C-alpha atoms as a PDB file:
ATOM      1  CA  MET A   1     -19.690  31.621  13.862  1.00  0.00           C
ATOM      2  CA  ALA A   2     -19.386  32.686  17.538  1.00  0.00           C
ATOM      3  CA  ARG A   3     -14.846  33.827  18.024  1.00  0.00           C
ATOM      4  CA  LEU A   4     -12.842  30.621  19.526  1.00  0.00           C
ATOM      5  CA  ASP A   5      -9.910  32.180  20.002  1.00  0.00           C
ATOM      6  CA  ARG A   6      -9.265  31.691  23.829  1.00  0.00           C
ATOM      7  CA  VAL A   7      -9.471  27.822  23.150  1.00  0.00           C
ATOM      8  CA  ASN A   8      -8.135  27.391  20.151  1.00  0.00           C
ATOM      9  CA  GLY A   9      -5.797  28.849  21.355  1.00  0.00           C
ATOM     10  CA  ARG A  10      -4.929  27.222  23.826  1.00  0.00           C
ATOM     11  CA  LEU A  11      -5.333  24.065  21.394  1.00  0.00           C
ATOM     12  CA  GLY A  12      -1.835  24.820  19.729  1.00  0.00           C
ATOM     13  CA  ALA A  13      -0.485  25.218  22.721  1.00  0.00           C
ATOM     14  CA  ARG A  14      -1.258  22.242  23.037  1.00  0.00           C
ATOM     15  CA  ARG A  15      -0.540  21.008  19.316  1.00  0.00           C
ATOM     16  CA  ALA A  16       3.179  21.969  19.809  1.00  0.00           C
ATOM     17  CA  ARG A  17       3.866  19.949  22.780  1.00  0.00           C
ATOM     18  CA  GLY A  18       1.864  17.036  20.297  1.00  0.00           C
ATOM     19  CA  LEU A  19       4.680  14.063  19.446  1.00  0.00           C
ATOM     20  CA  GLY A  20       5.104  14.554  15.494  1.00  0.00           C
ATOM     21  CA  THR A  21       6.657  11.840  13.989  1.00  0.00           C
ATOM     22  CA  ALA A  22       9.558  12.422  14.993  1.00  0.00           C
ATOM     23  CA  GLY A  23       8.969  11.529  18.673  1.00  0.00           C
ATOM     24  CA  LEU A  24       7.173   8.730  17.439  1.00  0.00           C
ATOM     25  CA  LEU A  25       9.974   7.184  16.033  1.00  0.00           C
ATOM     26  CA  ALA A  26      11.908   8.049  19.428  1.00  0.00           C
ATOM     27  CA  LEU A  27       9.546   6.109  21.489  1.00  0.00           C
ATOM     28  CA  GLY A  28       9.897   3.051  18.802  1.00  0.00           C
ATOM     29  CA  ALA A  29      13.421   3.379  19.312  1.00  0.00           C
ATOM     30  CA  ARG A  30      13.067   2.736  23.447  1.00  0.00           C
ATOM     31  CA  ALA A  31      11.349  -0.476  22.642  1.00  0.00           C
ATOM     32  CA  GLY A  32      13.972  -2.891  23.398  1.00  0.00           C
ATOM     33  CA  ASP A  33      16.579  -0.701  26.369  1.00  0.00           C
ATOM     34  CA  GLY A  34      13.182  -0.463  28.186  1.00  0.00           C
ATOM     35  CA  GLY A  35      12.170   3.313  27.880  1.00  0.00           C
ATOM     36  CA  GLN A  36       9.311   3.187  26.554  1.00  0.00           C
ATOM     37  CA  ALA A  37       7.535   4.162  30.194  1.00  0.00           C
ATOM     38  CA  GLU A  38       9.420   6.330  30.802  1.00  0.00           C
ATOM     39  CA  ALA A  39       9.125   8.174  27.909  1.00  0.00           C
ATOM     40  CA  LEU A  40       4.947   8.299  27.687  1.00  0.00           C
ATOM     41  CA  ARG A  41       5.962   9.761  31.310  1.00  0.00           C
ATOM     42  CA  ARG A  42       7.808  12.710  30.128  1.00  0.00           C
ATOM     43  CA  GLY A  43       5.236  12.542  27.290  1.00  0.00           C
ATOM     44  CA  PRO A  44       1.468  14.483  25.888  1.00  0.00           C
ATOM     45  CA  PHE A  45       0.228  10.592  26.774  1.00  0.00           C
ATOM     46  CA  ALA A  46       1.049  10.765  30.074  1.00  0.00           C
ATOM     47  CA  ALA A  47      -2.202  10.930  32.245  1.00  0.00           C
ATOM     48  CA  ALA A  48      -2.687   7.183  29.522  1.00  0.00           C
ATOM     49  CA  VAL A  49       0.079   5.253  31.914  1.00  0.00           C
ATOM     50  CA  PRO A  50       0.689   4.600  35.904  1.00  0.00           C
ATOM     51  CA  GLY A  51       3.229   6.327  37.075  1.00  0.00           C
ATOM     52  CA  ASP A  52       5.644   4.537  38.287  1.00  0.00           C
ATOM     53  CA  GLY A  53       6.092   0.974  37.337  1.00  0.00           C
ATOM     54  CA  PRO A  54       6.560  -1.311  33.699  1.00  0.00           C
ATOM     55  CA  LEU A  55       4.243  -0.668  31.472  1.00  0.00           C
ATOM     56  CA  PRO A  56       0.976  -2.301  31.966  1.00  0.00           C
ATOM     57  CA  PRO A  57       0.389  -4.942  28.954  1.00  0.00           C
ATOM     58  CA  ALA A  58      -0.497  -3.386  25.084  1.00  0.00           C
ATOM     59  CA  ALA A  59      -4.091  -3.762  25.816  1.00  0.00           C
ATOM     60  CA  GLU A  60      -4.876  -1.815  28.944  1.00  0.00           C
ATOM     61  CA  VAL A  61      -3.031   0.953  28.095  1.00  0.00           C
ATOM     62  CA  GLU A  62      -4.776   1.128  24.882  1.00  0.00           C
ATOM     63  CA  ALA A  63      -7.813   1.034  27.200  1.00  0.00           C
ATOM     64  CA  ARG A  64      -6.694   3.602  28.667  1.00  0.00           C
ATOM     65  CA  LEU A  65      -5.680   5.893  25.458  1.00  0.00           C
ATOM     66  CA  ARG A  66      -9.239   5.818  24.338  1.00  0.00           C
ATOM     67  CA  ARG A  67     -10.021   6.454  27.967  1.00  0.00           C
ATOM     68  CA  LEU A  68      -7.936  10.223  27.851  1.00  0.00           C
ATOM     69  CA  LEU A  69      -9.757  10.554  24.265  1.00  0.00           C
ATOM     70  CA  ALA A  70     -12.822  10.490  26.030  1.00  0.00           C
ATOM     71  CA  GLY A  71     -12.364  13.092  28.943  1.00  0.00           C
ATOM     72  CA  GLU A  72     -10.631  15.535  26.234  1.00  0.00           C
ATOM     73  CA  GLY A  73     -13.385  15.698  24.128  1.00  0.00           C
ATOM     74  CA  ALA A  74     -15.218  15.877  26.284  1.00  0.00           C
ATOM     75  CA  ALA A  75     -13.053  18.989  28.584  1.00  0.00           C
ATOM     76  CA  LEU A  76     -13.079  20.413  25.414  1.00  0.00           C
ATOM     77  CA  LEU A  77     -17.253  20.960  24.707  1.00  0.00           C
ATOM     78  CA  PRO A  78     -17.356  23.355  27.519  1.00  0.00           C
ATOM     79  CA  GLU A  79     -14.465  25.292  26.981  1.00  0.00           C
ATOM     80  CA  VAL A  80     -16.196  26.340  23.251  1.00  0.00           C
ATOM     81  CA  GLU A  81     -18.540  29.894  22.869  1.00  0.00           C
ATOM     82  CA  GLY A  82     -20.766  29.520  21.025  1.00  0.00           C
ATOM     83  CA  ALA A  83     -24.340  27.580  21.326  1.00  0.00           C
ATOM     84  CA  ALA A  84     -23.706  26.601  17.844  1.00  0.00           C
ATOM     85  CA  ALA A  85     -20.246  25.675  18.161  1.00  0.00           C
ATOM     86  CA  ARG A  86     -21.117  23.980  20.682  1.00  0.00           C
ATOM     87  CA  ARG A  87     -22.929  21.833  18.911  1.00  0.00           C
ATOM     88  CA  VAL A  88     -21.416  20.916  16.598  1.00  0.00           C
ATOM     89  CA  LEU A  89     -18.327  19.777  18.044  1.00  0.00           C
ATOM     90  CA  ALA A  90     -20.536  17.882  20.813  1.00  0.00           C
ATOM     91  CA  ALA A  91     -21.903  16.860  17.249  1.00  0.00           C
ATOM     92  CA  PHE A  92     -18.106  15.547  15.830  1.00  0.00           C
ATOM     93  CA  LEU A  93     -17.876  14.023  18.809  1.00  0.00           C
ATOM     94  CA  ASP A  94     -21.638  11.540  18.417  1.00  0.00           C
ATOM     95  CA  LEU A  95     -19.495  10.267  15.823  1.00  0.00           C
ATOM     96  CA  GLU A  96     -17.398   7.993  17.733  1.00  0.00           C
ATOM     97  CA  GLU A  97     -20.660   5.816  18.937  1.00  0.00           C
ATOM     98  CA  ALA A  98     -20.635   4.945  15.341  1.00  0.00           C
ATOM     99  CA  GLU A  99     -17.565   2.928  15.651  1.00  0.00           C
ATOM    100  CA  GLY A 100     -18.618   1.852  18.782  1.00  0.00           C
ATOM    101  CA  VAL A 101     -21.660  -0.205  18.205  1.00  0.00           C
ATOM    102  CA  LYS A 102     -19.949  -1.344  14.720  1.00  0.00           C
ATOM    103  CA  ALA A 103     -17.112  -3.208  16.856  1.00  0.00           C
ATOM    104  CA  VAL A 104     -20.464  -4.836  19.294  1.00  0.00           C
ATOM    105  CA  LEU A 105     -21.440  -5.604  16.264  1.00  0.00           C
ATOM    106  CA  ARG A 106     -18.638  -7.299  14.751  1.00  0.00           C
ATOM    107  CA  GLY A 107     -17.611  -9.464  18.464  1.00  0.00           C
ATOM    108  CA  ALA A 108     -20.746 -10.786  19.080  1.00  0.00           C
ATOM    109  CA  GLU A 109     -20.914 -11.903  15.158  1.00  0.00           C
ATOM    110  CA  ALA A 110     -16.975 -13.574  15.220  1.00  0.00           C
ATOM    111  CA  GLY A 111     -18.041 -14.978  19.326  1.00  0.00           C
ATOM    112  CA  ALA A 112     -16.000 -12.626  21.426  1.00  0.00           C
ATOM    113  CA  ALA A 113     -15.807 -12.295  25.362  1.00  0.00           C
ATOM    114  CA  PRO A 114     -18.557  -9.418  26.158  1.00  0.00           C
ATOM    115  CA  GLU A 115     -16.585  -8.504  28.559  1.00  0.00           C
ATOM    116  CA  ARG A 116     -13.744  -8.146  25.650  1.00  0.00           C
ATOM    117  CA  ILE A 117     -16.469  -6.456  23.444  1.00  0.00           C
ATOM    118  CA  LEU A 118     -17.111  -3.466  26.118  1.00  0.00           C
ATOM    119  CA  ALA A 119     -13.835  -2.511  25.947  1.00  0.00           C
ATOM    120  CA  ALA A 120     -13.032  -1.765  22.297  1.00  0.00           C
ATOM    121  CA  ALA A 121     -16.074  -0.302  21.943  1.00  0.00           C
ATOM    122  CA  THR A 122     -16.702   2.000  24.496  1.00  0.00           C
ATOM    123  CA  PRO A 123     -13.903   3.350  26.733  1.00  0.00           C
ATOM    124  CA  ASP A 124     -15.485   3.228  29.121  1.00  0.00           C
ATOM    125  CA  PRO A 125     -17.403  -0.130  29.673  1.00  0.00           C
ATOM    126  CA  ALA A 126     -18.020   0.282  33.108  1.00  0.00           C
ATOM    127  CA  ARG A 127     -20.823   3.443  32.323  1.00  0.00           C
ATOM    128  CA  ALA A 128     -21.772   1.955  28.498  1.00  0.00           C
ATOM    129  CA  PRO A 129     -25.350   2.806  27.763  1.00  0.00           C
ATOM    130  CA  ALA A 130     -27.984  -0.589  28.338  1.00  0.00           C
ATOM    131  CA  ALA A 131     -28.813  -0.898  25.672  1.00  0.00           C
ATOM    132  CA  LEU A 132     -24.793  -1.144  23.959  1.00  0.00           C
ATOM    133  CA  ALA A 133     -23.743  -3.342  27.264  1.00  0.00           C
ATOM    134  CA  ARG A 134     -26.773  -5.820  26.262  1.00  0.00           C
ATOM    135  CA  ALA A 135     -25.712  -5.938  22.646  1.00  0.00           C
ATOM    136  CA  ALA A 136     -21.956  -6.988  23.528  1.00  0.00           C
ATOM    137  CA  ALA A 137     -24.102 -10.092  24.562  1.00  0.00           C
ATOM    138  CA  ALA A 138     -25.693 -10.956  21.853  1.00  0.00           C
ATOM    139  CA  ARG A 139     -24.525 -14.475  19.966  1.00  0.00           C
ATOM    140  CA  SER A 140     -24.369 -12.459  16.931  1.00  0.00           C
ATOM    141  CA  ALA A 141     -24.620  -9.292  15.059  1.00  0.00           C
ATOM    142  CA  ALA A 142     -28.306 -10.319  14.479  1.00  0.00           C
ATOM    143  CA  ALA A 143     -29.350 -10.528  18.014  1.00  0.00           C
ATOM    144  CA  ALA A 144     -26.639  -6.886  18.185  1.00  0.00           C
ATOM    145  CA  VAL A 145     -29.115  -5.418  16.536  1.00  0.00           C
ATOM    146  CA  ALA A 146     -32.337  -6.991  17.900  1.00  0.00           C
ATOM    147  CA  GLU A 147     -30.454  -5.635  21.311  1.00  0.00           C
ATOM    148  CA  LEU A 148     -30.209  -2.093  20.416  1.00  0.00           C
ATOM    149  CA  VAL A 149     -33.867  -1.745  19.148  1.00  0.00           C
ATOM    150  CA  ALA A 150     -35.463  -3.559  21.695  1.00  0.00           C
ATOM    151  CA  GLY A 151     -32.903  -0.330  23.874  1.00  0.00           C
ATOM    152  CA  GLY A 152     -33.897   2.688  21.072  1.00  0.00           C
ATOM    153  CA  HIS A 153     -30.420   3.002  20.809  1.00  0.00           C
ATOM    154  CA  PRO A 154     -30.745   5.900  18.598  1.00  0.00           C
ATOM    155  CA  LEU A 155     -29.032   3.451  15.886  1.00  0.00           C
ATOM    156  CA  GLY A 156     -30.819   0.322  15.935  1.00  0.00           C
ATOM    157  CA  ALA A 157     -33.572   1.146  13.424  1.00  0.00           C
ATOM    158  CA  PRO A 158     -31.568   2.286  10.944  1.00  0.00           C
ATOM    159  CA  LEU A 159     -28.967  -1.248  11.262  1.00  0.00           C
ATOM    160  CA  ALA A 160     -32.197  -3.559  11.744  1.00  0.00           C
ATOM    161  CA  GLU A 161     -33.668  -2.089   8.384  1.00  0.00           C
ATOM    162  CA  ALA A 162     -29.978  -3.019   6.727  1.00  0.00           C
ATOM    163  CA  LEU A 163     -30.893  -5.891   8.049  1.00  0.00           C
ATOM    164  CA  SER A 164     -32.137  -8.022   5.007  1.00  0.00           C
ATOM    165  CA  ARG A 165     -28.890  -6.161   2.716  1.00  0.00           C
ATOM    166  CA  ARG A 166     -26.852  -8.761   4.349  1.00  0.00           C
ATOM    167  CA  PRO A 167     -25.308 -11.239   1.669  1.00  0.00           C
ATOM    168  CA  HIS A 168     -23.976 -14.284   2.843  1.00  0.00           C
ATOM    169  CA  GLY A 169     -25.036 -12.653   6.256  1.00  0.00           C
ATOM    170  CA  GLY A 170     -21.893 -10.233   5.971  1.00  0.00           C
ATOM    171  CA  LEU A 171     -20.976  -6.990   7.848  1.00  0.00           C
ATOM    172  CA  LEU A 172     -20.078  -4.890   5.102  1.00  0.00           C
ATOM    173  CA  PRO A 173     -24.450  -3.507   4.423  1.00  0.00           C
ATOM    174  CA  LEU A 174     -24.750  -3.155   8.569  1.00  0.00           C
ATOM    175  CA  GLU A 175     -21.418  -0.548   9.719  1.00  0.00           C
ATOM    176  CA  ALA A 176     -22.241   1.182   6.217  1.00  0.00           C
ATOM    177  CA  ALA A 177     -25.627   2.283   7.471  1.00  0.00           C
ATOM    178  CA  ALA A 178     -23.772   2.892  11.060  1.00  0.00           C
ATOM    179  CA  ASP A 179     -21.892   5.295   9.489  1.00  0.00           C
ATOM    180  CA  ARG A 180     -24.937   6.672   7.354  1.00  0.00           C
ATOM    181  CA  ALA A 181     -27.000   6.807  10.255  1.00  0.00           C
ATOM    182  CA  ALA A 182     -24.194   9.050  12.150  1.00  0.00           C
ATOM    183  CA  ALA A 183     -23.250  10.967   9.126  1.00  0.00           C
ATOM    184  CA  LEU A 184     -26.855  12.416   9.038  1.00  0.00           C
ATOM    185  CA  ARG A 185     -27.343  13.992  12.861  1.00  0.00           C
ATOM    186  CA  ALA A 186     -23.951  14.504  12.532  1.00  0.00           C
ATOM    187  CA  ALA A 187     -25.691  16.927   9.041  1.00  0.00           C
ATOM    188  CA  ALA A 188     -28.168  17.653  11.008  1.00  0.00           C
ATOM    189  CA  ALA A 189     -26.505  19.048  13.855  1.00  0.00           C
ATOM    190  CA  ALA A 190     -24.095  21.565  11.570  1.00  0.00           C
ATOM    191  CA  ARG A 191     -27.432  23.058   9.450  1.00  0.00           C
ATOM    192  CA  ARG A 192     -27.530  27.130  10.371  1.00  0.00           C
ATOM    193  CA  ALA A 193     -24.600  26.672  12.548  1.00  0.00           C
ATOM    194  CA  GLY A 194     -22.821  29.390   9.634  1.00  0.00           C
ATOM    195  CA  GLU A 195     -18.824  28.975   9.039  1.00  0.00           C
ATOM    196  CA  ASP A 196     -18.450  26.403  12.065  1.00  0.00           C
ATOM    197  CA  GLY A 197     -21.367  23.877  10.584  1.00  0.00           C
ATOM    198  CA  ARG A 198     -19.640  23.853   6.987  1.00  0.00           C
ATOM    199  CA  VAL A 199     -16.159  23.009   8.827  1.00  0.00           C
ATOM    200  CA  LEU A 200     -17.803  19.884   9.779  1.00  0.00           C
ATOM    201  CA  LEU A 201     -20.570  19.381   6.241  1.00  0.00           C
ATOM    202  CA  ASP A 202     -17.107  18.735   4.698  1.00  0.00           C
ATOM    203  CA  HIS A 203     -15.206  17.248   7.383  1.00  0.00           C
ATOM    204  CA  LEU A 204     -17.553  14.162   7.093  1.00  0.00           C
ATOM    205  CA  ALA A 205     -17.400  15.104   2.778  1.00  0.00           C
ATOM    206  CA  ASP A 206     -13.662  13.953   4.146  1.00  0.00           C
ATOM    207  CA  ARG A 207     -15.007  10.292   6.232  1.00  0.00           C
ATOM    208  CA  ALA A 208     -16.797   9.281   3.464  1.00  0.00           C
ATOM    209  CA  ASP A 209     -15.294   9.746   0.538  1.00  0.00           C
ATOM    210  CA  ALA A 210     -11.949   7.520   2.826  1.00  0.00           C
ATOM    211  CA  ALA A 211     -14.752   5.069   3.941  1.00  0.00           C
ATOM    212  CA  ASN A 212     -15.376   5.117  -0.323  1.00  0.00           C
ATOM    213  CA  ALA A 213     -12.012   4.732  -1.288  1.00  0.00           C
ATOM    214  CA  ALA A 214     -11.480   1.639   1.906  1.00  0.00           C
ATOM    215  CA  LEU A 215     -14.006  -0.461   0.226  1.00  0.00           C
ATOM    216  CA  LEU A 216     -13.415  -0.147  -3.389  1.00  0.00           C
ATOM    217  CA  LEU A 217     -10.155  -1.640  -2.200  1.00  0.00           C
ATOM    218  CA  THR A 218     -11.833  -4.296   0.162  1.00  0.00           C
ATOM    219  CA  LEU A 219     -13.591  -4.999  -3.598  1.00  0.00           C
ATOM    220  CA  ALA A 220     -10.566  -4.701  -5.652  1.00  0.00           C
ATOM    221  CA  GLY A 221     -10.239  -7.793  -7.625  1.00  0.00           C
ATOM    222  CA  ALA A 222     -13.834  -9.571  -6.828  1.00  0.00           C
ATOM    223  CA  GLY A 223     -14.712  -9.002  -9.959  1.00  0.00           C
ATOM    224  CA  PRO A 224     -17.656  -6.668 -11.111  1.00  0.00           C
ATOM    225  CA  ARG A 225     -20.587  -6.156  -8.587  1.00  0.00           C
ATOM    226  CA  PRO A 226     -24.187  -5.479  -9.142  1.00  0.00           C
ATOM    227  CA  PRO A 227     -25.684  -1.600  -7.588  1.00  0.00           C
ATOM    228  CA  ALA A 228     -27.413  -3.295  -6.211  1.00  0.00           C
ATOM    229  CA  GLU A 229     -24.506  -4.939  -3.963  1.00  0.00           C
ATOM    230  CA  VAL A 230     -23.058  -2.247  -3.492  1.00  0.00           C
ATOM    231  CA  GLU A 231     -25.491   0.096  -3.214  1.00  0.00           C
ATOM    232  CA  PRO A 232     -25.855   0.223   0.383  1.00  0.00           C
ATOM    233  CA  LEU A 233     -22.676  -0.471   0.773  1.00  0.00           C
ATOM    234  CA  LEU A 234     -21.940   3.817  -0.442  1.00  0.00           C
ATOM    235  CA  ARG A 235     -21.262   6.365   2.456  1.00  0.00           C
ATOM    236  CA  PRO A 236     -23.154   9.577   0.290  1.00  0.00           C
ATOM    237  CA  GLY A 237     -21.927  12.941   0.910  1.00  0.00           C
ATOM    238  CA  GLY A 238     -18.091  12.458  -0.662  1.00  0.00           C
ATOM    239  CA  ARG A 239     -17.022  15.352  -3.067  1.00  0.00           C
ATOM    240  CA  ARG A 240     -14.297  13.701  -4.621  1.00  0.00           C
ATOM    241  CA  LEU A 241     -15.143  10.319  -5.678  1.00  0.00           C
ATOM    242  CA  ALA A 242     -18.499   9.946  -6.951  1.00  0.00           C
ATOM    243  CA  ALA A 243     -21.099   7.849  -6.161  1.00  0.00           C
ATOM    244  CA  ALA A 244     -21.278   5.758  -9.883  1.00  0.00           C
ATOM    245  CA  GLN A 245     -17.954   6.553 -10.701  1.00  0.00           C
ATOM    246  CA  VAL A 246     -17.807   3.848  -6.726  1.00  0.00           C
ATOM    247  CA  LEU A 247     -20.474   1.988  -8.312  1.00  0.00           C
ATOM    248  CA  ALA A 248     -18.692   1.124 -11.712  1.00  0.00           C
ATOM    249  CA  LEU A 249     -14.980   0.924  -9.829  1.00  0.00           C
ATOM    250  CA  ALA A 250     -16.668  -1.704  -7.559  1.00  0.00           C
ATOM    251  CA  GLY A 251     -14.902  -5.321  -7.735  1.00  0.00           C
ATOM    252  CA  ALA A 252     -12.499  -3.717 -11.011  1.00  0.00           C
ATOM    253  CA  PRO A 253      -8.688  -5.687 -10.702  1.00  0.00           C
ATOM    254  CA  ALA A 254      -6.682  -3.825  -8.690  1.00  0.00           C
ATOM    255  CA  ALA A 255      -4.751  -1.904  -9.981  1.00  0.00           C
ATOM    256  CA  GLU A 256      -7.884  -0.083 -11.906  1.00  0.00           C
ATOM    257  CA  VAL A 257      -9.073   0.976  -8.554  1.00  0.00           C
ATOM    258  CA  ARG A 258      -5.667   2.171  -6.871  1.00  0.00           C
ATOM    259  CA  ALA A 259      -4.757   4.051 -10.242  1.00  0.00           C
ATOM    260  CA  ALA A 260      -8.755   5.670  -9.314  1.00  0.00           C
ATOM    261  CA  VAL A 261      -8.396   6.679  -5.485  1.00  0.00           C
ATOM    262  CA  ALA A 262      -5.399   7.834  -6.221  1.00  0.00           C
ATOM    263  CA  GLY A 263      -6.898  10.687  -7.708  1.00  0.00           C
ATOM    264  CA  PRO A 264      -7.555  11.650  -4.476  1.00  0.00           C
ATOM    265  CA  PHE A 265      -6.092  10.484  -2.051  1.00  0.00           C
ATOM    266  CA  PRO A 266      -2.509  10.124  -4.539  1.00  0.00           C
ATOM    267  CA  ALA A 267      -0.844   8.073  -0.794  1.00  0.00           C
ATOM    268  CA  LEU A 268      -2.704   4.800  -2.166  1.00  0.00           C
ATOM    269  CA  ALA A 269      -1.457   4.336  -5.919  1.00  0.00           C
ATOM    270  CA  ALA A 270       0.933   1.736  -4.917  1.00  0.00           C
ATOM    271  CA  GLU A 271       0.381  -1.644  -3.778  1.00  0.00           C
ATOM    272  CA  ALA A 272      -0.407  -2.534   0.056  1.00  0.00           C
ATOM    273  CA  PRO A 273      -1.345  -4.098   2.764  1.00  0.00           C
ATOM    274  CA  PRO A 274      -4.910  -3.377   4.804  1.00  0.00           C
ATOM    275  CA  TRP A 275      -3.893  -1.198   7.414  1.00  0.00           C
ATOM    276  CA  ALA A 276      -1.232   0.636   5.743  1.00  0.00           C
ATOM    277  CA  ASP A 277      -4.369   2.311   3.053  1.00  0.00           C
ATOM    278  CA  ASP A 278      -5.973   2.773   6.444  1.00  0.00           C
ATOM    279  CA  LEU A 279      -3.153   4.522   7.979  1.00  0.00           C
ATOM    280  CA  ALA A 280      -2.235   6.815   4.875  1.00  0.00           C
ATOM    281  CA  LEU A 281      -6.609   7.667   4.079  1.00  0.00           C
ATOM    282  CA  GLU A 282      -5.541   8.579   8.053  1.00  0.00           C
ATOM    283  CA  ARG A 283      -3.308  10.337   7.109  1.00  0.00           C
ATOM    284  CA  THR A 284      -5.488  12.446   3.889  1.00  0.00           C
ATOM    285  CA  LEU A 285      -7.950  13.327   6.413  1.00  0.00           C
ATOM    286  CA  LEU A 286      -5.828  14.899   9.271  1.00  0.00           C
ATOM    287  CA  ALA A 287      -4.287  16.677   7.259  1.00  0.00           C
ATOM    288  CA  ARG A 288      -7.275  18.060   5.066  1.00  0.00           C
ATOM    289  CA  ALA A 289      -7.915  18.472   9.261  1.00  0.00           C
ATOM    290  CA  ARG A 290      -5.518  20.618   9.895  1.00  0.00           C
ATOM    291  CA  ARG A 291      -5.386  22.787   7.078  1.00  0.00           C
ATOM    292  CA  ALA A 292      -9.419  23.988   7.089  1.00  0.00           C
ATOM    293  CA  ALA A 293      -7.914  24.784  11.526  1.00  0.00           C
ATOM    294  CA  ARG A 294      -5.585  27.546   9.011  1.00  0.00           C
ATOM    295  CA  ALA A 295      -7.273  28.163   6.661  1.00  0.00           C
ATOM    296  CA  ARG A 296      -9.907  29.454   9.865  1.00  0.00           C
ATOM    297  CA  PRO A 297      -8.356  29.564  12.530  1.00  0.00           C
ATOM    298  CA  LEU A 298     -11.399  31.328  14.679  1.00  0.00           C
ATOM    299  CA  SER A 299     -13.379  28.066  14.066  1.00  0.00           C
ATOM    300  CA  VAL A 300     -14.957  24.481  14.746  1.00  0.00           C
ATOM    301  CA  ALA A 301     -11.845  23.318  13.144  1.00  0.00           C
ATOM    302  CA  VAL A 302      -8.527  24.071  15.094  1.00  0.00           C
ATOM    303  CA  ALA A 303     -10.566  21.530  17.498  1.00  0.00           C
ATOM    304  CA  ILE A 304     -11.189  19.019  15.543  1.00  0.00           C
ATOM    305  CA  ALA A 305      -8.314  18.391  13.640  1.00  0.00           C
ATOM    306  CA  TRP A 306      -6.444  18.761  16.880  1.00  0.00           C
ATOM    307  CA  LEU A 307      -8.991  16.370  18.446  1.00  0.00           C
ATOM    308  CA  LEU A 308      -7.843  14.369  14.476  1.00  0.00           C
ATOM    309  CA  GLU A 309      -4.031  14.811  15.965  1.00  0.00           C
ATOM    310  CA  ARG A 310      -5.037  12.767  19.172  1.00  0.00           C
ATOM    311  CA  ARG A 311      -6.757   9.957  18.021  1.00  0.00           C
ATOM    312  CA  ALA A 312      -3.807   9.172  15.525  1.00  0.00           C
ATOM    313  CA  GLU A 313      -1.289   9.770  17.909  1.00  0.00           C
ATOM    314  CA  ALA A 314      -2.280   7.765  20.807  1.00  0.00           C
ATOM    315  CA  ARG A 315      -3.572   4.867  17.568  1.00  0.00           C
ATOM    316  CA  ARG A 316       0.252   5.134  16.658  1.00  0.00           C
ATOM    317  CA  VAL A 317       1.392   4.992  20.904  1.00  0.00           C
ATOM    318  CA  ALA A 318      -0.818   1.361  20.026  1.00  0.00           C
ATOM    319  CA  LEU A 319       0.687  -0.354  17.140  1.00  0.00           C
ATOM    320  CA  LEU A 320       4.407   1.014  18.620  1.00  0.00           C
ATOM    321  CA  LEU A 321       3.581  -0.652  21.785  1.00  0.00           C
ATOM    322  CA  ARG A 322       1.381  -3.628  20.027  1.00  0.00           C
ATOM    323  CA  GLY A 323       5.084  -3.718  17.580  1.00  0.00           C
ATOM    324  CA  ALA A 324       7.259  -4.103  20.283  1.00  0.00           C
ATOM    325  CA  ALA A 325       4.845  -6.403  22.572  1.00  0.00           C
ATOM    326  CA  LEU A 326       6.334  -8.701  19.138  1.00  0.00           C
ATOM    327  CA  GLY A 327       9.366  -8.024  19.316  1.00  0.00           C
ATOM    328  CA  LEU A 328       9.175  -5.888  16.102  1.00  0.00           C
ATOM    329  CA  PRO A 329      12.229  -4.180  15.125  1.00  0.00           C
ATOM    330  CA  ALA A 330      12.876  -0.101  15.437  1.00  0.00           C
ATOM    331  CA  GLU A 331      12.500   0.288  11.736  1.00  0.00           C
ATOM    332  CA  GLU A 332       9.725  -1.636  10.137  1.00  0.00           C
ATOM    333  CA  LEU A 333       8.148   0.192  12.834  1.00  0.00           C
ATOM    334  CA  VAL A 334       8.736   3.330  10.806  1.00  0.00           C
ATOM    335  CA  PRO A 335       5.889   3.222   7.960  1.00  0.00           C
ATOM    336  CA  LEU A 336       3.192   2.843  11.053  1.00  0.00           C
ATOM    337  CA  VAL A 337       3.913   6.028  12.829  1.00  0.00           C
ATOM    338  CA  GLU A 338       4.549   8.446   9.864  1.00  0.00           C
ATOM    339  CA  MET A 339       1.743  11.377  10.906  1.00  0.00           C
ATOM    340  CA  GLY A 340       2.966  13.255   7.649  1.00  0.00           C
ATOM    341  CA  GLY A 341       3.132  17.239   7.542  1.00  0.00           C
ATOM    342  CA  GLY A 342       0.454  20.258   7.951  1.00  0.00           C
ATOM    343  CA  ALA A 343      -0.156  20.195   4.786  1.00  0.00           C
END
């Protein structure tokens, strides 16, 4: 393992300047007095907002935040010492590719405008890969997959294979196929990468568990589902929710599902809306990444935890701005911005 003490030291200093829950709550409290723009300009996301004047619409700020985060990841990669550590961090960054492809599939299936699809799928639509741009112009998810295959996109083939497993035209098998293919690529990069590789493999397992917990919550109360229908939706590699357990629980009553997923994800024990479950899963992944960074302070775990924290904070900034645009009172925004402790 390469020593990453220099870059990790710099990341520690940057993390100390993060907003945290207190900073996010303070930002939310400024919604009514027009002070959010100035608060953002003085904080760690200043580069994502104009230097003066009012804030742009929330959607534009979100696009700016995505570009900022993508740029930070790209800039961090050459700072990492050691070829193996750089390969591992690059594989972690490449996991976002699956998120972009899933955004294209959702947008194409919904018939959204191509420019809106690309804006949601990539931080820089003007530089989007040609295959992704053509997929965004497709009029259905199946047509988008065909464009990805024709353009040689690395996720095209696994998505084409998953098309035959789409009950009633649903997107869940396609999204699962994109996640599985991206995770397999990342796992391959982690092999023979020593402790840094083990860090990434642990994170991939956490992501798989979180995705499978979310799947169970989505299917909760729908009635027993045949294993052949659920198996293509699983993300393999999880360590806290066994595949057999997920298959057995699929479609079970909501109370039974929550009791099961509360073991690895205690924050999911209480009934909550889907957005709250989503944020709770994200907080758990972030807490585990922070714990890994503390346990392996000279490894790539520190960079992964920092990048995840930046994404989580940026997401909550975007939620705050959308909430303010809708006129939600500050107290209703509190559950949106909770970042969790450093556990």
